[in-house]
C-alpha atoms as a PDB file:
ATOM      1  CA  UNK A   1      37.542 -29.215 -89.925  1.00  0.00           C
ATOM      2  CA  UNK A   2      38.440 -25.699 -88.843  1.00  0.00           C
ATOM      3  CA  UNK A   3      35.077 -25.399 -87.095  1.00  0.00           C
ATOM      4  CA  UNK A   4      35.743 -28.542 -85.045  1.00  0.00           C
ATOM      5  CA  UNK A   5      39.138 -27.195 -84.011  1.00  0.00           C
ATOM      6  CA  UNK A   6      37.462 -24.026 -82.812  1.00  0.00           C
ATOM      7  CA  UNK A   7      34.908 -26.024 -80.839  1.00  0.00           C
ATOM      8  CA  UNK A   8      37.642 -28.073 -79.203  1.00  0.00           C
ATOM      9  CA  UNK A   9      39.581 -24.899 -78.407  1.00  0.00           C
ATOM     10  CA  UNK A  10      36.542 -23.226 -76.840  1.00  0.00           C
ATOM     11  CA  UNK A  11      35.749 -26.333 -74.809  1.00  0.00           C
ATOM     12  CA  UNK A  12      39.348 -26.498 -73.581  1.00  0.00           C
ATOM     13  CA  UNK A  13      39.314 -22.822 -72.648  1.00  0.00           C
ATOM     14  CA  UNK A  14      36.001 -23.266 -70.844  1.00  0.00           C
ATOM     15  CA  UNK A  15      37.327 -26.280 -68.975  1.00  0.00           C
ATOM     16  CA  UNK A  16      40.460 -24.419 -67.905  1.00  0.00           C
ATOM     17  CA  UNK A  17      38.393 -21.432 -66.804  1.00  0.00           C
ATOM     18  CA  UNK A  18      36.074 -23.720 -64.863  1.00  0.00           C
ATOM     19  CA  UNK A  19      38.996 -25.369 -63.115  1.00  0.00           C
ATOM     20  CA  UNK A  20      40.484 -21.953 -62.314  1.00  0.00           C
ATOM     21  CA  UNK A  21      37.421 -20.955 -60.292  1.00  0.00           C
ATOM     22  CA  UNK A  22      36.383 -24.315 -58.787  1.00  0.00           C
ATOM     23  CA  UNK A  23      39.533 -26.313 -57.973  1.00  0.00           C
ATOM     24  CA  UNK A  24      41.325 -25.343 -54.787  1.00  0.00           C
ATOM     25  CA  UNK A  25      45.111 -25.177 -54.749  1.00  0.00           C
ATOM     26  CA  UNK A  26      47.465 -25.858 -51.800  1.00  0.00           C
ATOM     27  CA  UNK A  27      47.778 -22.114 -51.240  1.00  0.00           C
ATOM     28  CA  UNK A  28      46.076 -19.632 -48.916  1.00  0.00           C
ATOM     29  CA  UNK A  29      45.659 -15.853 -48.830  1.00  0.00           C
ATOM     30  CA  UNK A  30      46.482 -14.228 -45.494  1.00  0.00           C
ATOM     31  CA  UNK A  31      44.871 -10.859 -44.874  1.00  0.00           C
ATOM     32  CA  UNK A  32      43.029  -8.672 -42.363  1.00  0.00           C
ATOM     33  CA  UNK A  33      40.121 -10.391 -40.642  1.00  0.00           C
ATOM     34  CA  UNK A  34      37.106  -8.984 -38.796  1.00  0.00           C
ATOM     35  CA  UNK A  35      37.651  -6.195 -36.264  1.00  0.00           C
ATOM     36  CA  UNK A  36      34.906  -6.288 -33.627  1.00  0.00           C
ATOM     37  CA  UNK A  37      34.014  -4.191 -30.617  1.00  0.00           C
ATOM     38  CA  UNK A  38      34.348  -6.463 -27.597  1.00  0.00           C
ATOM     39  CA  UNK A  39      31.990  -4.820 -25.081  1.00  0.00           C
ATOM     40  CA  UNK A  40      28.740  -5.883 -26.839  1.00  0.00           C
ATOM     41  CA  UNK A  41      30.050  -9.474 -26.781  1.00  0.00           C
ATOM     42  CA  UNK A  42      30.538  -9.539 -22.992  1.00  0.00           C
ATOM     43  CA  UNK A  43      27.730 -10.431 -20.583  1.00  0.00           C
ATOM     44  CA  UNK A  44      27.739 -10.858 -16.803  1.00  0.00           C
ATOM     45  CA  UNK A  45      25.274 -11.047 -13.933  1.00  0.00           C
ATOM     46  CA  UNK A  46      24.982  -9.627 -10.397  1.00  0.00           C
ATOM     47  CA  UNK A  47      27.220  -6.619 -11.043  1.00  0.00           C
ATOM     48  CA  UNK A  48      26.567  -3.059 -12.260  1.00  0.00           C
ATOM     49  CA  UNK A  49      27.418  -2.535 -15.923  1.00  0.00           C
ATOM     50  CA  UNK A  50      29.193   0.728 -16.892  1.00  0.00           C
ATOM     51  CA  UNK A  51      29.022   1.232 -20.662  1.00  0.00           C
ATOM     52  CA  UNK A  52      31.910   2.888 -22.507  1.00  0.00           C
ATOM     53  CA  UNK A  53      31.471   5.853 -24.839  1.00  0.00           C
ATOM     54  CA  UNK A  54      34.131   4.501 -27.175  1.00  0.00           C
ATOM     55  CA  UNK A  55      35.096   0.965 -28.167  1.00  0.00           C
ATOM     56  CA  UNK A  56      37.724  -1.627 -27.466  1.00  0.00           C
ATOM     57  CA  UNK A  57      38.230  -3.532 -30.710  1.00  0.00           C
ATOM     58  CA  UNK A  58      39.759  -6.973 -31.166  1.00  0.00           C
ATOM     59  CA  UNK A  59      41.466  -7.678 -34.482  1.00  0.00           C
ATOM     60  CA  UNK A  60      42.014 -10.904 -36.364  1.00  0.00           C
ATOM     61  CA  UNK A  61      43.627 -12.503 -39.398  1.00  0.00           C
ATOM     62  CA  UNK A  62      41.655 -14.189 -42.180  1.00  0.00           C
ATOM     63  CA  UNK A  63      42.973 -17.281 -43.994  1.00  0.00           C
ATOM     64  CA  UNK A  64      41.302 -17.974 -47.344  1.00  0.00           C
ATOM     65  CA  UNK A  65      41.842 -21.108 -49.417  1.00  0.00           C
ATOM     66  CA  UNK A  66      42.561 -20.210 -53.037  1.00  0.00           C
ATOM     67  CA  UNK A  67      41.538 -21.325 -56.490  1.00  0.00           C
ATOM     68  CA  UNK A  68      43.681 -20.234 -59.430  1.00  0.00           C
ATOM     69  CA  UNK A  69      41.424 -17.223 -60.039  1.00  0.00           C
ATOM     70  CA  UNK A  70      41.415 -16.343 -56.319  1.00  0.00           C
ATOM     71  CA  UNK A  71      45.208 -16.485 -56.318  1.00  0.00           C
ATOM     72  CA  UNK A  72      45.328 -13.873 -59.076  1.00  0.00           C
ATOM     73  CA  UNK A  73      43.018 -11.575 -57.105  1.00  0.00           C
ATOM     74  CA  UNK A  74      45.034 -12.084 -53.913  1.00  0.00           C
ATOM     75  CA  UNK A  75      48.277 -11.361 -55.770  1.00  0.00           C
ATOM     76  CA  UNK A  76      46.827  -8.020 -56.891  1.00  0.00           C
ATOM     77  CA  UNK A  77      45.670  -7.100 -53.363  1.00  0.00           C
ATOM     78  CA  UNK A  78      48.386  -5.244 -51.381  1.00  0.00           C
ATOM     79  CA  UNK A  79      46.709  -6.188 -48.068  1.00  0.00           C
ATOM     80  CA  UNK A  80      46.918  -9.938 -48.657  1.00  0.00           C
ATOM     81  CA  UNK A  81      49.868 -12.316 -48.849  1.00  0.00           C
ATOM     82  CA  UNK A  82      49.928 -15.752 -50.471  1.00  0.00           C
ATOM     83  CA  UNK A  83      51.389 -18.621 -48.443  1.00  0.00           C
ATOM     84  CA  UNK A  84      51.643 -22.367 -48.994  1.00  0.00           C
ATOM     85  CA  UNK A  85      49.266 -24.625 -47.080  1.00  0.00           C
ATOM     86  CA  UNK A  86      52.257 -26.253 -45.385  1.00  0.00           C
ATOM     87  CA  UNK A  87      53.108 -22.939 -43.706  1.00  0.00           C
ATOM     88  CA  UNK A  88      49.713 -22.759 -41.969  1.00  0.00           C
ATOM     89  CA  UNK A  89      49.125 -26.484 -41.471  1.00  0.00           C
ATOM     90  CA  UNK A  90      52.504 -28.209 -41.062  1.00  0.00           C
ATOM     91  CA  UNK A  91      52.896 -31.966 -41.315  1.00  0.00           C
ATOM     92  CA  UNK A  92      49.652 -32.265 -43.270  1.00  0.00           C
ATOM     93  CA  UNK A  93      47.503 -31.397 -40.249  1.00  0.00           C
ATOM     94  CA  UNK A  94      43.764 -31.543 -40.909  1.00  0.00           C
ATOM     95  CA  UNK A  95      42.260 -28.076 -41.377  1.00  0.00           C
ATOM     96  CA  UNK A  96      39.206 -28.847 -39.249  1.00  0.00           C
ATOM     97  CA  UNK A  97      41.394 -30.122 -36.413  1.00  0.00           C
ATOM     98  CA  UNK A  98      43.353 -26.874 -36.503  1.00  0.00           C
ATOM     99  CA  UNK A  99      40.157 -24.796 -36.536  1.00  0.00           C
ATOM    100  CA  UNK A 100      38.789 -26.706 -33.551  1.00  0.00           C
ATOM    101  CA  UNK A 101      42.060 -26.105 -31.726  1.00  0.00           C
ATOM    102  CA  UNK A 102      41.879 -22.376 -32.550  1.00  0.00           C
ATOM    103  CA  UNK A 103      38.336 -22.139 -31.142  1.00  0.00           C
ATOM    104  CA  UNK A 104      39.508 -23.913 -27.983  1.00  0.00           C
ATOM    105  CA  UNK A 105      42.392 -21.436 -27.679  1.00  0.00           C
ATOM    106  CA  UNK A 106      39.919 -18.567 -27.980  1.00  0.00           C
ATOM    107  CA  UNK A 107      37.773 -20.076 -25.214  1.00  0.00           C
ATOM    108  CA  UNK A 108      40.832 -20.371 -22.981  1.00  0.00           C
ATOM    109  CA  UNK A 109      41.770 -16.750 -23.708  1.00  0.00           C
ATOM    110  CA  UNK A 110      38.332 -15.581 -22.552  1.00  0.00           C
ATOM    111  CA  UNK A 111      38.728 -17.468 -19.277  1.00  0.00           C
ATOM    112  CA  UNK A 112      42.249 -16.129 -18.739  1.00  0.00           C
ATOM    113  CA  UNK A 113      41.136 -12.552 -19.437  1.00  0.00           C
ATOM    114  CA  UNK A 114      38.217 -12.857 -17.016  1.00  0.00           C
ATOM    115  CA  UNK A 115      40.492 -14.331 -14.335  1.00  0.00           C
ATOM    116  CA  UNK A 116      42.954 -11.429 -14.668  1.00  0.00           C
ATOM    117  CA  UNK A 117      40.175  -8.847 -14.305  1.00  0.00           C
ATOM    118  CA  UNK A 118      38.446 -10.576 -11.394  1.00  0.00           C
ATOM    119  CA  UNK A 119      41.775 -10.909  -9.606  1.00  0.00           C
ATOM    120  CA  UNK A 120      42.138  -7.127  -9.875  1.00  0.00           C
ATOM    121  CA  UNK A 121      38.579  -6.338  -8.773  1.00  0.00           C
ATOM    122  CA  UNK A 122      36.965  -9.193  -6.859  1.00  0.00           C
ATOM    123  CA  UNK A 123      39.529 -10.853  -4.585  1.00  0.00           C
ATOM    124  CA  UNK A 124      39.629 -13.799  -6.995  1.00  0.00           C
ATOM    125  CA  UNK A 125      40.791 -16.590  -6.896  1.00  0.00           C
ATOM    126  CA  UNK A 126      40.349 -16.693  -3.111  1.00  0.00           C
ATOM    127  CA  UNK A 127      36.730 -15.610  -3.527  1.00  0.00           C
ATOM    128  CA  UNK A 128      35.215 -17.952  -6.058  1.00  0.00           C
ATOM    129  CA  UNK A 129      32.144 -19.884  -7.128  1.00  0.00           C
ATOM    130  CA  UNK A 130      31.297 -23.575  -6.876  1.00  0.00           C
ATOM    131  CA  UNK A 131      33.369 -26.206  -8.634  1.00  0.00           C
ATOM    132  CA  UNK A 132      36.393 -25.522 -10.837  1.00  0.00           C
ATOM    133  CA  UNK A 133      36.640 -24.474 -14.476  1.00  0.00           C
ATOM    134  CA  UNK A 134      38.537 -26.286 -17.205  1.00  0.00           C
ATOM    135  CA  UNK A 135      41.023 -23.689 -18.479  1.00  0.00           C
ATOM    136  CA  UNK A 136      42.611 -25.867 -21.195  1.00  0.00           C
ATOM    137  CA  UNK A 137      43.568 -29.458 -21.963  1.00  0.00           C
ATOM    138  CA  UNK A 138      46.796 -31.139 -23.028  1.00  0.00           C
ATOM    139  CA  UNK A 139      46.812 -32.446 -26.590  1.00  0.00           C
ATOM    140  CA  UNK A 140      47.069 -36.230 -26.719  1.00  0.00           C
ATOM    141  CA  UNK A 141      45.977 -36.822 -23.115  1.00  0.00           C
ATOM    142  CA  UNK A 142      42.739 -38.366 -21.851  1.00  0.00           C
ATOM    143  CA  UNK A 143      41.016 -34.986 -21.392  1.00  0.00           C
ATOM    144  CA  UNK A 144      41.651 -34.008 -25.018  1.00  0.00           C
ATOM    145  CA  UNK A 145      38.294 -34.076 -26.827  1.00  0.00           C
ATOM    146  CA  UNK A 146      36.418 -34.939 -23.603  1.00  0.00           C
ATOM    147  CA  UNK A 147      36.792 -31.785 -21.519  1.00  0.00           C
ATOM    148  CA  UNK A 148      36.626 -28.269 -22.966  1.00  0.00           C
ATOM    149  CA  UNK A 149      37.493 -24.768 -21.707  1.00  0.00           C
ATOM    150  CA  UNK A 150      34.615 -23.465 -19.600  1.00  0.00           C
ATOM    151  CA  UNK A 151      33.342 -26.870 -18.482  1.00  0.00           C
ATOM    152  CA  UNK A 152      32.706 -26.809 -14.728  1.00  0.00           C
ATOM    153  CA  UNK A 153      34.022 -29.797 -12.743  1.00  0.00           C
ATOM    154  CA  UNK A 154      31.736 -30.404  -9.762  1.00  0.00           C
ATOM    155  CA  UNK A 155      33.283 -33.596  -8.378  1.00  0.00           C
ATOM    156  CA  UNK A 156      35.935 -36.216  -9.100  1.00  0.00           C
ATOM    157  CA  UNK A 157      35.144 -39.815  -8.154  1.00  0.00           C
ATOM    158  CA  UNK A 158      32.222 -38.540  -6.104  1.00  0.00           C
ATOM    159  CA  UNK A 159      34.281 -36.048  -4.047  1.00  0.00           C
ATOM    160  CA  UNK A 160      33.145 -32.430  -4.509  1.00  0.00           C
ATOM    161  CA  UNK A 161      35.790 -30.083  -5.912  1.00  0.00           C
ATOM    162  CA  UNK A 162      35.644 -26.634  -4.329  1.00  0.00           C
ATOM    163  CA  UNK A 163      38.977 -25.357  -5.666  1.00  0.00           C
ATOM    164  CA  UNK A 164      41.500 -26.220  -8.339  1.00  0.00           C
ATOM    165  CA  UNK A 165      43.914 -27.350  -5.601  1.00  0.00           C
ATOM    166  CA  UNK A 166      41.360 -29.890  -4.342  1.00  0.00           C
ATOM    167  CA  UNK A 167      40.769 -31.078  -7.902  1.00  0.00           C
ATOM    168  CA  UNK A 168      44.516 -31.361  -8.570  1.00  0.00           C
ATOM    169  CA  UNK A 169      45.059 -33.367  -5.381  1.00  0.00           C
ATOM    170  CA  UNK A 170      42.235 -35.757  -6.294  1.00  0.00           C
ATOM    171  CA  UNK A 171      43.778 -36.390  -9.706  1.00  0.00           C
ATOM    172  CA  UNK A 172      47.347 -36.766  -8.416  1.00  0.00           C
ATOM    173  CA  UNK A 173      46.265 -39.219  -5.707  1.00  0.00           C
ATOM    174  CA  UNK A 174      44.924 -41.666  -8.297  1.00  0.00           C
ATOM    175  CA  UNK A 175      47.324 -44.487  -9.307  1.00  0.00           C
ATOM    176  CA  UNK A 176      48.668 -44.554 -12.846  1.00  0.00           C
ATOM    177  CA  UNK A 177      46.284 -46.429 -15.122  1.00  0.00           C
ATOM    178  CA  UNK A 178      43.231 -45.788 -12.957  1.00  0.00           C
ATOM    179  CA  UNK A 179      39.999 -44.322 -14.255  1.00  0.00           C
ATOM    180  CA  UNK A 180      38.600 -41.140 -12.742  1.00  0.00           C
ATOM    181  CA  UNK A 181      34.957 -40.107 -13.032  1.00  0.00           C
ATOM    182  CA  UNK A 182      34.357 -36.387 -13.563  1.00  0.00           C
ATOM    183  CA  UNK A 183      30.906 -34.955 -12.842  1.00  0.00           C
ATOM    184  CA  UNK A 184      30.473 -31.794 -14.897  1.00  0.00           C
ATOM    185  CA  UNK A 185      28.174 -28.917 -15.619  1.00  0.00           C
ATOM    186  CA  UNK A 186      28.354 -28.071 -19.319  1.00  0.00           C
ATOM    187  CA  UNK A 187      26.346 -24.983 -20.243  1.00  0.00           C
ATOM    188  CA  UNK A 188      24.186 -25.752 -17.215  1.00  0.00           C
ATOM    189  CA  UNK A 189      23.556 -29.403 -18.147  1.00  0.00           C
ATOM    190  CA  UNK A 190      24.967 -32.322 -16.100  1.00  0.00           C
ATOM    191  CA  UNK A 191      27.475 -34.626 -17.806  1.00  0.00           C
ATOM    192  CA  UNK A 192      29.788 -37.416 -16.659  1.00  0.00           C
ATOM    193  CA  UNK A 193      33.141 -38.275 -18.224  1.00  0.00           C
ATOM    194  CA  UNK A 194      35.511 -41.142 -17.346  1.00  0.00           C
ATOM    195  CA  UNK A 195      39.205 -40.394 -17.914  1.00  0.00           C
ATOM    196  CA  UNK A 196      42.284 -42.599 -17.492  1.00  0.00           C
ATOM    197  CA  UNK A 197      45.319 -41.148 -15.733  1.00  0.00           C
ATOM    198  CA  UNK A 198      48.385 -42.328 -17.650  1.00  0.00           C
ATOM    199  CA  UNK A 199      51.554 -40.991 -19.298  1.00  0.00           C
ATOM    200  CA  UNK A 200      50.634 -38.949 -22.355  1.00  0.00           C
ATOM    201  CA  UNK A 201      51.858 -36.238 -24.666  1.00  0.00           C
ATOM    202  CA  UNK A 202      55.474 -35.382 -23.873  1.00  0.00           C
ATOM    203  CA  UNK A 203      55.186 -36.411 -20.224  1.00  0.00           C
ATOM    204  CA  UNK A 204      56.419 -39.623 -18.671  1.00  0.00           C
ATOM    205  CA  UNK A 205      54.346 -38.710 -15.615  1.00  0.00           C
ATOM    206  CA  UNK A 206      50.759 -40.026 -15.532  1.00  0.00           C
ATOM    207  CA  UNK A 207      48.285 -37.270 -16.376  1.00  0.00           C
ATOM    208  CA  UNK A 208      44.651 -36.693 -17.163  1.00  0.00           C
ATOM    209  CA  UNK A 209      45.769 -33.628 -19.095  1.00  0.00           C
ATOM    210  CA  UNK A 210      43.522 -30.864 -17.754  1.00  0.00           C
ATOM    211  CA  UNK A 211      44.475 -27.387 -16.530  1.00  0.00           C
ATOM    212  CA  UNK A 212      41.988 -25.862 -14.095  1.00  0.00           C
ATOM    213  CA  UNK A 213      41.184 -22.558 -12.404  1.00  0.00           C
ATOM    214  CA  UNK A 214      38.750 -21.660  -9.640  1.00  0.00           C
ATOM    215  CA  UNK A 215      35.218 -20.860 -10.769  1.00  0.00           C
ATOM    216  CA  UNK A 216      34.354 -17.183 -11.006  1.00  0.00           C
ATOM    217  CA  UNK A 217      32.349 -15.505  -8.207  1.00  0.00           C
ATOM    218  CA  UNK A 218      29.725 -14.505 -10.778  1.00  0.00           C
ATOM    219  CA  UNK A 219      28.860 -15.647 -14.279  1.00  0.00           C
ATOM    220  CA  UNK A 220      30.823 -14.088 -17.167  1.00  0.00           C
ATOM    221  CA  UNK A 221      29.897 -14.947 -20.753  1.00  0.00           C
ATOM    222  CA  UNK A 222      31.853 -13.829 -23.818  1.00  0.00           C
ATOM    223  CA  UNK A 223      30.738 -14.559 -27.384  1.00  0.00           C
ATOM    224  CA  UNK A 224      33.436 -14.841 -30.055  1.00  0.00           C
ATOM    225  CA  UNK A 225      31.630 -16.670 -32.868  1.00  0.00           C
ATOM    226  CA  UNK A 226      33.931 -18.409 -35.345  1.00  0.00           C
ATOM    227  CA  UNK A 227      37.007 -16.316 -34.560  1.00  0.00           C
ATOM    228  CA  UNK A 228      39.725 -18.514 -33.090  1.00  0.00           C
ATOM    229  CA  UNK A 229      43.148 -18.244 -31.523  1.00  0.00           C
ATOM    230  CA  UNK A 230      44.338 -16.773 -28.234  1.00  0.00           C
ATOM    231  CA  UNK A 231      45.262 -13.270 -29.381  1.00  0.00           C
ATOM    232  CA  UNK A 232      42.107 -11.405 -28.279  1.00  0.00           C
ATOM    233  CA  UNK A 233      42.886 -11.954 -24.595  1.00  0.00           C
ATOM    234  CA  UNK A 234      44.143  -8.435 -23.873  1.00  0.00           C
ATOM    235  CA  UNK A 235      41.117  -6.791 -25.474  1.00  0.00           C
ATOM    236  CA  UNK A 236      38.664  -9.101 -23.673  1.00  0.00           C
ATOM    237  CA  UNK A 237      40.325  -8.127 -20.387  1.00  0.00           C
ATOM    238  CA  UNK A 238      40.191  -4.385 -21.079  1.00  0.00           C
ATOM    239  CA  UNK A 239      36.588  -4.543 -22.250  1.00  0.00           C
ATOM    240  CA  UNK A 240      35.460  -6.500 -19.182  1.00  0.00           C
ATOM    241  CA  UNK A 241      37.417  -4.269 -16.802  1.00  0.00           C
ATOM    242  CA  UNK A 242      35.889  -1.103 -18.272  1.00  0.00           C
ATOM    243  CA  UNK A 243      32.361  -2.536 -18.069  1.00  0.00           C
ATOM    244  CA  UNK A 244      32.831  -3.446 -14.402  1.00  0.00           C
ATOM    245  CA  UNK A 245      34.303  -0.118 -13.268  1.00  0.00           C
ATOM    246  CA  UNK A 246      32.972   3.464 -13.234  1.00  0.00           C
ATOM    247  CA  UNK A 247      34.545   5.859 -15.709  1.00  0.00           C
ATOM    248  CA  UNK A 248      35.579   5.181 -19.274  1.00  0.00           C
ATOM    249  CA  UNK A 249      39.023   3.908 -20.208  1.00  0.00           C
ATOM    250  CA  UNK A 250      38.302   4.419 -23.911  1.00  0.00           C
ATOM    251  CA  UNK A 251      37.942   8.185 -23.518  1.00  0.00           C
ATOM    252  CA  UNK A 252      35.370   8.021 -26.306  1.00  0.00           C
ATOM    253  CA  UNK A 253      37.933   6.639 -28.747  1.00  0.00           C
ATOM    254  CA  UNK A 254      38.114   3.443 -30.775  1.00  0.00           C
ATOM    255  CA  UNK A 255      41.064   1.555 -29.333  1.00  0.00           C
ATOM    256  CA  UNK A 256      42.257  -1.597 -31.047  1.00  0.00           C
ATOM    257  CA  UNK A 257      44.859  -4.081 -29.949  1.00  0.00           C
ATOM    258  CA  UNK A 258      45.999  -7.652 -29.751  1.00  0.00           C
ATOM    259  CA  UNK A 259      47.925 -10.006 -27.496  1.00  0.00           C
ATOM    260  CA  UNK A 260      47.446 -13.283 -25.672  1.00  0.00           C
ATOM    261  CA  UNK A 261      47.047 -12.729 -21.947  1.00  0.00           C
ATOM    262  CA  UNK A 262      48.443 -15.082 -19.315  1.00  0.00           C
ATOM    263  CA  UNK A 263      46.841 -15.701 -15.929  1.00  0.00           C
ATOM    264  CA  UNK A 264      49.429 -13.437 -14.297  1.00  0.00           C
ATOM    265  CA  UNK A 265      48.499 -10.574 -16.646  1.00  0.00           C
ATOM    266  CA  UNK A 266      51.512 -10.883 -18.959  1.00  0.00           C
ATOM    267  CA  UNK A 267      50.752  -9.925 -22.573  1.00  0.00           C
ATOM    268  CA  UNK A 268      52.263 -12.502 -24.928  1.00  0.00           C
ATOM    269  CA  UNK A 269      53.313 -11.677 -28.540  1.00  0.00           C
ATOM    270  CA  UNK A 270      51.193 -13.053 -31.366  1.00  0.00           C
ATOM    271  CA  UNK A 271      51.338 -13.580 -35.140  1.00  0.00           C
ATOM    272  CA  UNK A 272      49.801 -11.541 -37.944  1.00  0.00           C
ATOM    273  CA  UNK A 273      50.538  -8.116 -36.482  1.00  0.00           C
ATOM    274  CA  UNK A 274      50.607  -6.332 -39.854  1.00  0.00           C
ATOM    275  CA  UNK A 275      47.232  -7.751 -40.919  1.00  0.00           C
ATOM    276  CA  UNK A 276      45.749  -6.777 -37.557  1.00  0.00           C
ATOM    277  CA  UNK A 277      47.020  -3.216 -37.885  1.00  0.00           C
ATOM    278  CA  UNK A 278      45.303  -2.994 -41.273  1.00  0.00           C
ATOM    279  CA  UNK A 279      42.062  -4.329 -39.777  1.00  0.00           C
ATOM    280  CA  UNK A 280      42.274  -1.782 -36.944  1.00  0.00           C
ATOM    281  CA  UNK A 281      42.826   1.132 -39.318  1.00  0.00           C
ATOM    282  CA  UNK A 282      39.897  -0.003 -41.472  1.00  0.00           C
ATOM    283  CA  UNK A 283      37.721  -0.102 -38.314  1.00  0.00           C
ATOM    284  CA  UNK A 284      38.495   3.548 -37.542  1.00  0.00           C
ATOM    285  CA  UNK A 285      40.790   2.946 -34.575  1.00  0.00           C
ATOM    286  CA  UNK A 286      43.224   5.683 -33.548  1.00  0.00           C
ATOM    287  CA  UNK A 287      45.283   3.674 -31.026  1.00  0.00           C
ATOM    288  CA  UNK A 288      46.692   0.159 -31.245  1.00  0.00           C
ATOM    289  CA  UNK A 289      47.936  -1.674 -28.140  1.00  0.00           C
ATOM    290  CA  UNK A 290      50.891  -3.815 -29.248  1.00  0.00           C
ATOM    291  CA  UNK A 291      52.499  -6.660 -27.286  1.00  0.00           C
ATOM    292  CA  UNK A 292      56.050  -5.573 -26.456  1.00  0.00           C
ATOM    293  CA  UNK A 293      57.470  -8.471 -28.456  1.00  0.00           C
ATOM    294  CA  UNK A 294      55.609  -7.388 -31.610  1.00  0.00           C
ATOM    295  CA  UNK A 295      56.586  -3.725 -31.442  1.00  0.00           C
ATOM    296  CA  UNK A 296      59.501  -3.908 -33.866  1.00  0.00           C
ATOM    297  CA  UNK A 297      57.356  -5.584 -36.529  1.00  0.00           C
ATOM    298  CA  UNK A 298      54.518  -3.116 -35.927  1.00  0.00           C
ATOM    299  CA  UNK A 299      56.840  -0.144 -36.438  1.00  0.00           C
ATOM    300  CA  UNK A 300      58.350  -1.770 -39.528  1.00  0.00           C
ATOM    301  CA  UNK A 301      54.869  -2.025 -41.074  1.00  0.00           C
ATOM    302  CA  UNK A 302      54.489   1.744 -40.897  1.00  0.00           C
ATOM    303  CA  UNK A 303      51.789   1.691 -38.230  1.00  0.00           C
ATOM    304  CA  UNK A 304      48.963   2.417 -40.695  1.00  0.00           C
ATOM    305  CA  UNK A 305      48.452   5.858 -39.157  1.00  0.00           C
ATOM    306  CA  UNK A 306      47.771   4.415 -35.694  1.00  0.00           C
ATOM    307  CA  UNK A 307      49.341   5.455 -32.411  1.00  0.00           C
ATOM    308  CA  UNK A 308      51.301   2.355 -31.423  1.00  0.00           C
ATOM    309  CA  UNK A 309      51.446   1.695 -27.681  1.00  0.00           C
ATOM    310  CA  UNK A 310      53.731  -1.131 -26.463  1.00  0.00           C
ATOM    311  CA  UNK A 311      52.419  -3.134 -23.501  1.00  0.00           C
ATOM    312  CA  UNK A 312      54.031  -5.987 -21.597  1.00  0.00           C
ATOM    313  CA  UNK A 313      51.231  -6.542 -19.067  1.00  0.00           C
ATOM    314  CA  UNK A 314      47.541  -5.870 -18.560  1.00  0.00           C
ATOM    315  CA  UNK A 315      48.505  -3.232 -15.975  1.00  0.00           C
ATOM    316  CA  UNK A 316      50.645  -1.476 -18.615  1.00  0.00           C
ATOM    317  CA  UNK A 317      47.619  -1.147 -20.893  1.00  0.00           C
ATOM    318  CA  UNK A 318      45.319  -0.091 -18.087  1.00  0.00           C
ATOM    319  CA  UNK A 319      47.788   2.512 -16.794  1.00  0.00           C
ATOM    320  CA  UNK A 320      48.274   4.006 -20.256  1.00  0.00           C
ATOM    321  CA  UNK A 321      44.518   4.313 -20.804  1.00  0.00           C
ATOM    322  CA  UNK A 322      43.847   5.721 -17.332  1.00  0.00           C
ATOM    323  CA  UNK A 323      46.584   8.296 -17.836  1.00  0.00           C
ATOM    324  CA  UNK A 324      45.060   9.493 -21.090  1.00  0.00           C
END
């Protein structure tokens, strides 16, 4: 009888241990994500490329779904925090939907960063290429899931679009409830999408739900892999600017940073600043460019041995680097 009790006990312990390592809980670990040099990820054509001696490094935050055993390991790790799923994905939002949105935000950030740099160097947006680029779409509108950042709109209802103003006028001239045909170039391949202009999202005004910018005067390609979110914008802009201009803004150093960049060059605060500082320190950075709105939190974290440089605009960051 005693032997059977032991067998049952061992089976129960084994089952509990198995559940501890295989069953996911509604909790996530938040910690430093990959820190990657941005220059090797940037490609362009028809312009001279000036390589840097140092590196501009983008930082990120990693979210890891936890089993019971993983939660114990995360609890013991001083660089990771444990948060409930509802904090990261409110209202029960699907994880894959959120990941897709994060990738779309990253794609928009690459376009915004390129636009800021080309405005400084190339007379953009007055000087531009053919068609217009999709910069982003409005969630819940017709363009959502049909158009994506980087798609090139060549014509609307058969009328060529040479600028975002032309494209906007063509959309706004269409009556509410009408269907517009968009001829696109997607990664060089032709596509056609029909979209209905109607009230959507939070707007009572009829919309297609697409934000557009003029096409770039030459092709710029930036690879970001599976990293999502808009917060690499500042580092994309600095990396592209340094590659397009003689000299070396890095000064041979590894310079990390973060911050969403707007089309006017404003650097917007982001989340996860402490985790990104840890990632930068682990990558060997000596300087961290901090959005002005994140500076208090960055200082409160101790700075991780990094020189913290507050920036409110792309020009702030560029001026600091040029001065050093």
